[in-house]
Amino acid sequence: MENFEFNKYVHFASVFEAPYTTSINAARTEATITIPAFLPSSFIEMPEGATHFQLIAALGVVSDYTYNAISRHYEPTDPSLNMLNAEANSTATALNITTPVSFSLVTTLAGSPTMTATVSDVVCLGIQFFQQIGTVNYLFAQGNCMMVIGVF
């Protein structure tokens, strides 16, 4: 699943080139994406007309599946953990800013679940673009993308 692209037309690595690191806590309930200081104009390939961007971190839990001969379907081994998720967003940041910006995006699963050996944590990083008109940011329909950056 690692490096899976959610947008088949726009690849995350071709849009966002700033370095980042991913870590997850020992309980596998919290993921942190750390992006050291960078200039957006040097590390982001923005669509024409975009004025701002926002980074999105997502953490999702995917269970292993086993075949149930009675129902004749594959079912999650851990249904209570399967599809748990969390999201964290950066603030909308100007693309033409001249001061380097850094981000730390932390996603935490609600309820402190106990992870099992039959589930995987999937960590994703995405970017979306806006055009600011007055004080309102309007989401672009193009250029937005997300990629799986780690599976734990």
C-alpha atoms as a PDB file:
ATOM      1  CA  MET A   1       0.000   0.000   0.000  1.00  0.00           C
ATOM      2  CA  GLU A   2       2.924   2.342   0.579  1.00  0.00           C
ATOM      3  CA  ASN A   3       3.231   4.962  -2.194  1.00  0.00           C
ATOM      4  CA  PHE A   4      -0.388   4.393  -3.269  1.00  0.00           C
ATOM      5  CA  GLU A   5      -1.662   7.550  -4.996  1.00  0.00           C
ATOM      6  CA  PHE A   6      -5.251   8.677  -4.417  1.00  0.00           C
ATOM      7  CA  ASN A   7      -5.281  10.867  -7.535  1.00  0.00           C
ATOM      8  CA  LYS A   8      -4.344   8.949 -10.670  1.00  0.00           C
ATOM      9  CA  TYR A   9      -3.793  12.173 -12.612  1.00  0.00           C
ATOM     10  CA  VAL A  10      -1.647  14.109 -10.123  1.00  0.00           C
ATOM     11  CA  HIS A  11       1.123  12.354  -8.201  1.00  0.00           C
ATOM     12  CA  PHE A  12       1.831  13.690  -4.744  1.00  0.00           C
ATOM     13  CA  ALA A  13       5.625  13.435  -5.106  1.00  0.00           C
ATOM     14  CA  SER A  14       5.514  15.614  -8.219  1.00  0.00           C
ATOM     15  CA  VAL A  15       3.528  18.331  -6.399  1.00  0.00           C
ATOM     16  CA  PHE A  16       5.069  18.322  -2.909  1.00  0.00           C
ATOM     17  CA  GLU A  17       8.856  17.947  -2.847  1.00  0.00           C
ATOM     18  CA  ALA A  18       9.680  19.163   0.679  1.00  0.00           C
ATOM     19  CA  PRO A  19      11.338  16.566   2.929  1.00  0.00           C
ATOM     20  CA  TYR A  20       9.271  15.002   5.709  1.00  0.00           C
ATOM     21  CA  THR A  21       9.482  12.223   8.276  1.00  0.00           C
ATOM     22  CA  THR A  22       6.766   9.934   9.592  1.00  0.00           C
ATOM     23  CA  SER A  23       6.625   8.309  12.999  1.00  0.00           C
ATOM     24  CA  ILE A  24       4.043   6.373  14.965  1.00  0.00           C
ATOM     25  CA  ASN A  25       3.801   5.790  18.715  1.00  0.00           C
ATOM     26  CA  ALA A  26       4.347   2.351  20.250  1.00  0.00           C
ATOM     27  CA  ALA A  27       0.599   1.779  20.708  1.00  0.00           C
ATOM     28  CA  ARG A  28       0.042   2.621  17.009  1.00  0.00           C
ATOM     29  CA  THR A  29      -2.722   5.087  17.899  1.00  0.00           C
ATOM     30  CA  GLU A  30      -0.939   8.314  16.952  1.00  0.00           C
ATOM     31  CA  ALA A  31       1.060   9.242  13.870  1.00  0.00           C
ATOM     32  CA  THR A  32       3.207  12.349  13.433  1.00  0.00           C
ATOM     33  CA  ILE A  33       4.348  13.835  10.142  1.00  0.00           C
ATOM     34  CA  THR A  34       7.133  16.372  10.597  1.00  0.00           C
ATOM     35  CA  ILE A  35       8.034  18.763   7.793  1.00  0.00           C
ATOM     36  CA  PRO A  36      11.080  20.961   8.513  1.00  0.00           C
ATOM     37  CA  ALA A  37      11.155  24.594   7.418  1.00  0.00           C
ATOM     38  CA  PHE A  38      10.872  25.128   3.650  1.00  0.00           C
ATOM     39  CA  LEU A  39       9.822  27.798   1.170  1.00  0.00           C
ATOM     40  CA  PRO A  40       6.572  26.743  -0.530  1.00  0.00           C
ATOM     41  CA  SER A  41       7.559  28.388  -3.825  1.00  0.00           C
ATOM     42  CA  SER A  42      10.661  26.168  -3.976  1.00  0.00           C
ATOM     43  CA  PHE A  43       9.089  22.834  -2.989  1.00  0.00           C
ATOM     44  CA  ILE A  44       5.471  22.948  -4.177  1.00  0.00           C
ATOM     45  CA  GLU A  45       4.335  22.679  -7.793  1.00  0.00           C
ATOM     46  CA  MET A  46       1.144  24.712  -7.627  1.00  0.00           C
ATOM     47  CA  PRO A  47      -1.715  24.872 -10.116  1.00  0.00           C
ATOM     48  CA  GLU A  48      -2.135  28.159 -11.961  1.00  0.00           C
ATOM     49  CA  GLY A  49      -4.179  30.645  -9.946  1.00  0.00           C
ATOM     50  CA  ALA A  50      -3.617  28.993  -6.566  1.00  0.00           C
ATOM     51  CA  THR A  51      -2.689  31.389  -3.762  1.00  0.00           C
ATOM     52  CA  HIS A  52      -2.715  29.091  -0.702  1.00  0.00           C
ATOM     53  CA  PHE A  53      -2.203  25.445   0.233  1.00  0.00           C
ATOM     54  CA  GLN A  54      -3.133  23.187   3.108  1.00  0.00           C
ATOM     55  CA  LEU A  55      -1.483  19.927   4.137  1.00  0.00           C
ATOM     56  CA  ILE A  56      -3.609  17.004   5.281  1.00  0.00           C
ATOM     57  CA  ALA A  57      -2.448  14.072   7.399  1.00  0.00           C
ATOM     58  CA  ALA A  58      -4.643  10.988   7.657  1.00  0.00           C
ATOM     59  CA  LEU A  59      -4.310   7.866   9.770  1.00  0.00           C
ATOM     60  CA  GLY A  60      -6.487   4.847   9.034  1.00  0.00           C
ATOM     61  CA  VAL A  61      -6.689   1.339  10.426  1.00  0.00           C
ATOM     62  CA  VAL A  62      -7.133  -1.603   8.045  1.00  0.00           C
ATOM     63  CA  SER A  63      -7.849  -5.078   9.394  1.00  0.00           C
ATOM     64  CA  ASP A  64      -6.757  -8.348   7.877  1.00  0.00           C
ATOM     65  CA  TYR A  65      -9.673 -10.235   6.341  1.00  0.00           C
ATOM     66  CA  THR A  66     -10.629 -13.901   6.618  1.00  0.00           C
ATOM     67  CA  TYR A  67     -13.088 -15.918   4.573  1.00  0.00           C
ATOM     68  CA  ASN A  68     -16.345 -16.835   6.302  1.00  0.00           C
ATOM     69  CA  ALA A  69     -17.626 -20.034   4.678  1.00  0.00           C
ATOM     70  CA  ILE A  70     -21.119 -19.562   6.128  1.00  0.00           C
ATOM     71  CA  SER A  71     -21.699 -16.080   4.726  1.00  0.00           C
ATOM     72  CA  ARG A  72     -19.408 -16.719   1.736  1.00  0.00           C
ATOM     73  CA  HIS A  73     -17.749 -13.339   2.255  1.00  0.00           C
ATOM     74  CA  TYR A  74     -14.445 -12.037   3.440  1.00  0.00           C
ATOM     75  CA  GLU A  75     -14.847 -10.300   6.793  1.00  0.00           C
ATOM     76  CA  PRO A  76     -12.486  -8.165   8.867  1.00  0.00           C
ATOM     77  CA  THR A  77     -10.580 -10.094  11.510  1.00  0.00           C
ATOM     78  CA  ASP A  78     -10.933  -7.097  13.839  1.00  0.00           C
ATOM     79  CA  PRO A  79     -14.208  -5.378  12.882  1.00  0.00           C
ATOM     80  CA  SER A  80     -14.098  -2.974  15.846  1.00  0.00           C
ATOM     81  CA  LEU A  81     -10.714  -1.629  14.707  1.00  0.00           C
ATOM     82  CA  ASN A  82     -11.242  -1.801  10.956  1.00  0.00           C
ATOM     83  CA  MET A  83     -11.736   1.644   9.412  1.00  0.00           C
ATOM     84  CA  LEU A  84     -10.896   3.686  12.538  1.00  0.00           C
ATOM     85  CA  ASN A  85      -9.423   6.956  11.328  1.00  0.00           C
ATOM     86  CA  ALA A  86      -8.164  10.399  12.256  1.00  0.00           C
ATOM     87  CA  GLU A  87      -7.201  13.509  10.315  1.00  0.00           C
ATOM     88  CA  ALA A  88      -5.136  16.629  10.964  1.00  0.00           C
ATOM     89  CA  ASN A  89      -4.884  19.698   8.754  1.00  0.00           C
ATOM     90  CA  SER A  90      -2.405  22.520   8.605  1.00  0.00           C
ATOM     91  CA  THR A  91      -3.625  26.067   8.349  1.00  0.00           C
ATOM     92  CA  ALA A  92      -4.081  27.501   4.864  1.00  0.00           C
ATOM     93  CA  THR A  93      -0.674  28.971   4.044  1.00  0.00           C
ATOM     94  CA  ALA A  94       0.230  31.451   1.328  1.00  0.00           C
ATOM     95  CA  LEU A  95       2.214  29.925  -1.510  1.00  0.00           C
ATOM     96  CA  ASN A  96       4.212  33.132  -2.036  1.00  0.00           C
ATOM     97  CA  ILE A  97       5.336  33.486   1.581  1.00  0.00           C
ATOM     98  CA  THR A  98       9.008  34.527   1.811  1.00  0.00           C
ATOM     99  CA  THR A  99       9.643  33.121   5.282  1.00  0.00           C
ATOM    100  CA  PRO A 100      10.226  29.344   5.543  1.00  0.00           C
ATOM    101  CA  VAL A 101       7.358  27.409   7.140  1.00  0.00           C
ATOM    102  CA  SER A 102       7.408  24.109   9.032  1.00  0.00           C
ATOM    103  CA  PHE A 103       4.614  21.769  10.019  1.00  0.00           C
ATOM    104  CA  SER A 104       3.984  19.033  12.547  1.00  0.00           C
ATOM    105  CA  LEU A 105       0.768  17.163  11.796  1.00  0.00           C
ATOM    106  CA  VAL A 106      -0.401  14.781  14.521  1.00  0.00           C
ATOM    107  CA  THR A 107      -3.285  12.359  14.005  1.00  0.00           C
ATOM    108  CA  THR A 108      -4.666  10.518  17.040  1.00  0.00           C
ATOM    109  CA  LEU A 109      -7.263   7.747  16.989  1.00  0.00           C
ATOM    110  CA  ALA A 110     -10.167   8.493  19.325  1.00  0.00           C
ATOM    111  CA  GLY A 111     -10.866   6.308  22.331  1.00  0.00           C
ATOM    112  CA  SER A 112      -7.332   4.889  22.782  1.00  0.00           C
ATOM    113  CA  PRO A 113      -8.040   1.587  20.985  1.00  0.00           C
ATOM    114  CA  THR A 114      -5.763  -1.407  21.527  1.00  0.00           C
ATOM    115  CA  MET A 115      -4.189  -2.377  18.224  1.00  0.00           C
ATOM    116  CA  THR A 116      -3.727  -6.047  17.390  1.00  0.00           C
ATOM    117  CA  ALA A 117      -1.226  -7.861  15.185  1.00  0.00           C
ATOM    118  CA  THR A 118      -3.932  -8.340  12.556  1.00  0.00           C
ATOM    119  CA  VAL A 119      -4.422  -4.652  11.760  1.00  0.00           C
ATOM    120  CA  SER A 120      -2.232  -2.159   9.943  1.00  0.00           C
ATOM    121  CA  ASP A 121      -1.997   1.593  10.421  1.00  0.00           C
ATOM    122  CA  VAL A 122      -1.950   3.471   7.126  1.00  0.00           C
ATOM    123  CA  VAL A 123      -0.497   7.010   7.198  1.00  0.00           C
ATOM    124  CA  CYS A 124      -1.249   9.418   4.337  1.00  0.00           C
ATOM    125  CA  LEU A 125      -0.102  12.916   3.435  1.00  0.00           C
ATOM    126  CA  GLY A 126      -1.980  15.163   1.061  1.00  0.00           C
ATOM    127  CA  ILE A 127      -2.121  18.712  -0.215  1.00  0.00           C
ATOM    128  CA  GLN A 128      -4.990  20.846  -1.392  1.00  0.00           C
ATOM    129  CA  PHE A 129      -4.920  24.242  -3.040  1.00  0.00           C
ATOM    130  CA  PHE A 130      -7.033  27.342  -2.632  1.00  0.00           C
ATOM    131  CA  GLN A 131      -7.500  30.675  -4.295  1.00  0.00           C
ATOM    132  CA  GLN A 132      -8.062  33.459  -1.810  1.00  0.00           C
ATOM    133  CA  ILE A 133     -10.523  36.124  -2.878  1.00  0.00           C
ATOM    134  CA  GLY A 134     -10.917  38.791  -0.229  1.00  0.00           C
ATOM    135  CA  THR A 135     -10.755  36.845   3.003  1.00  0.00           C
ATOM    136  CA  VAL A 136     -12.322  33.641   1.651  1.00  0.00           C
ATOM    137  CA  ASN A 137     -10.303  30.618   0.487  1.00  0.00           C
ATOM    138  CA  TYR A 138     -11.966  28.757  -2.379  1.00  0.00           C
ATOM    139  CA  LEU A 139     -10.891  25.129  -2.797  1.00  0.00           C
ATOM    140  CA  PHE A 140      -9.394  24.271  -6.190  1.00  0.00           C
ATOM    141  CA  ALA A 141     -10.871  21.338  -8.066  1.00  0.00           C
ATOM    142  CA  GLN A 142      -7.479  20.486  -9.576  1.00  0.00           C
ATOM    143  CA  GLY A 143      -3.984  19.798  -8.306  1.00  0.00           C
ATOM    144  CA  ASN A 144      -5.114  18.269  -5.003  1.00  0.00           C
ATOM    145  CA  CYS A 145      -3.546  14.916  -4.204  1.00  0.00           C
ATOM    146  CA  MET A 146      -2.710  12.433  -1.439  1.00  0.00           C
ATOM    147  CA  MET A 147      -0.376   9.479  -1.058  1.00  0.00           C
ATOM    148  CA  VAL A 148       0.153   6.649   1.431  1.00  0.00           C
ATOM    149  CA  ILE A 149       3.510   7.465   3.052  1.00  0.00           C
ATOM    150  CA  GLY A 150       3.731   4.686   5.625  1.00  0.00           C
ATOM    151  CA  VAL A 151       2.161   1.411   6.748  1.00  0.00           C
ATOM    152  CA  PHE A 152       2.841   0.240  10.284  1.00  0.00           C
END
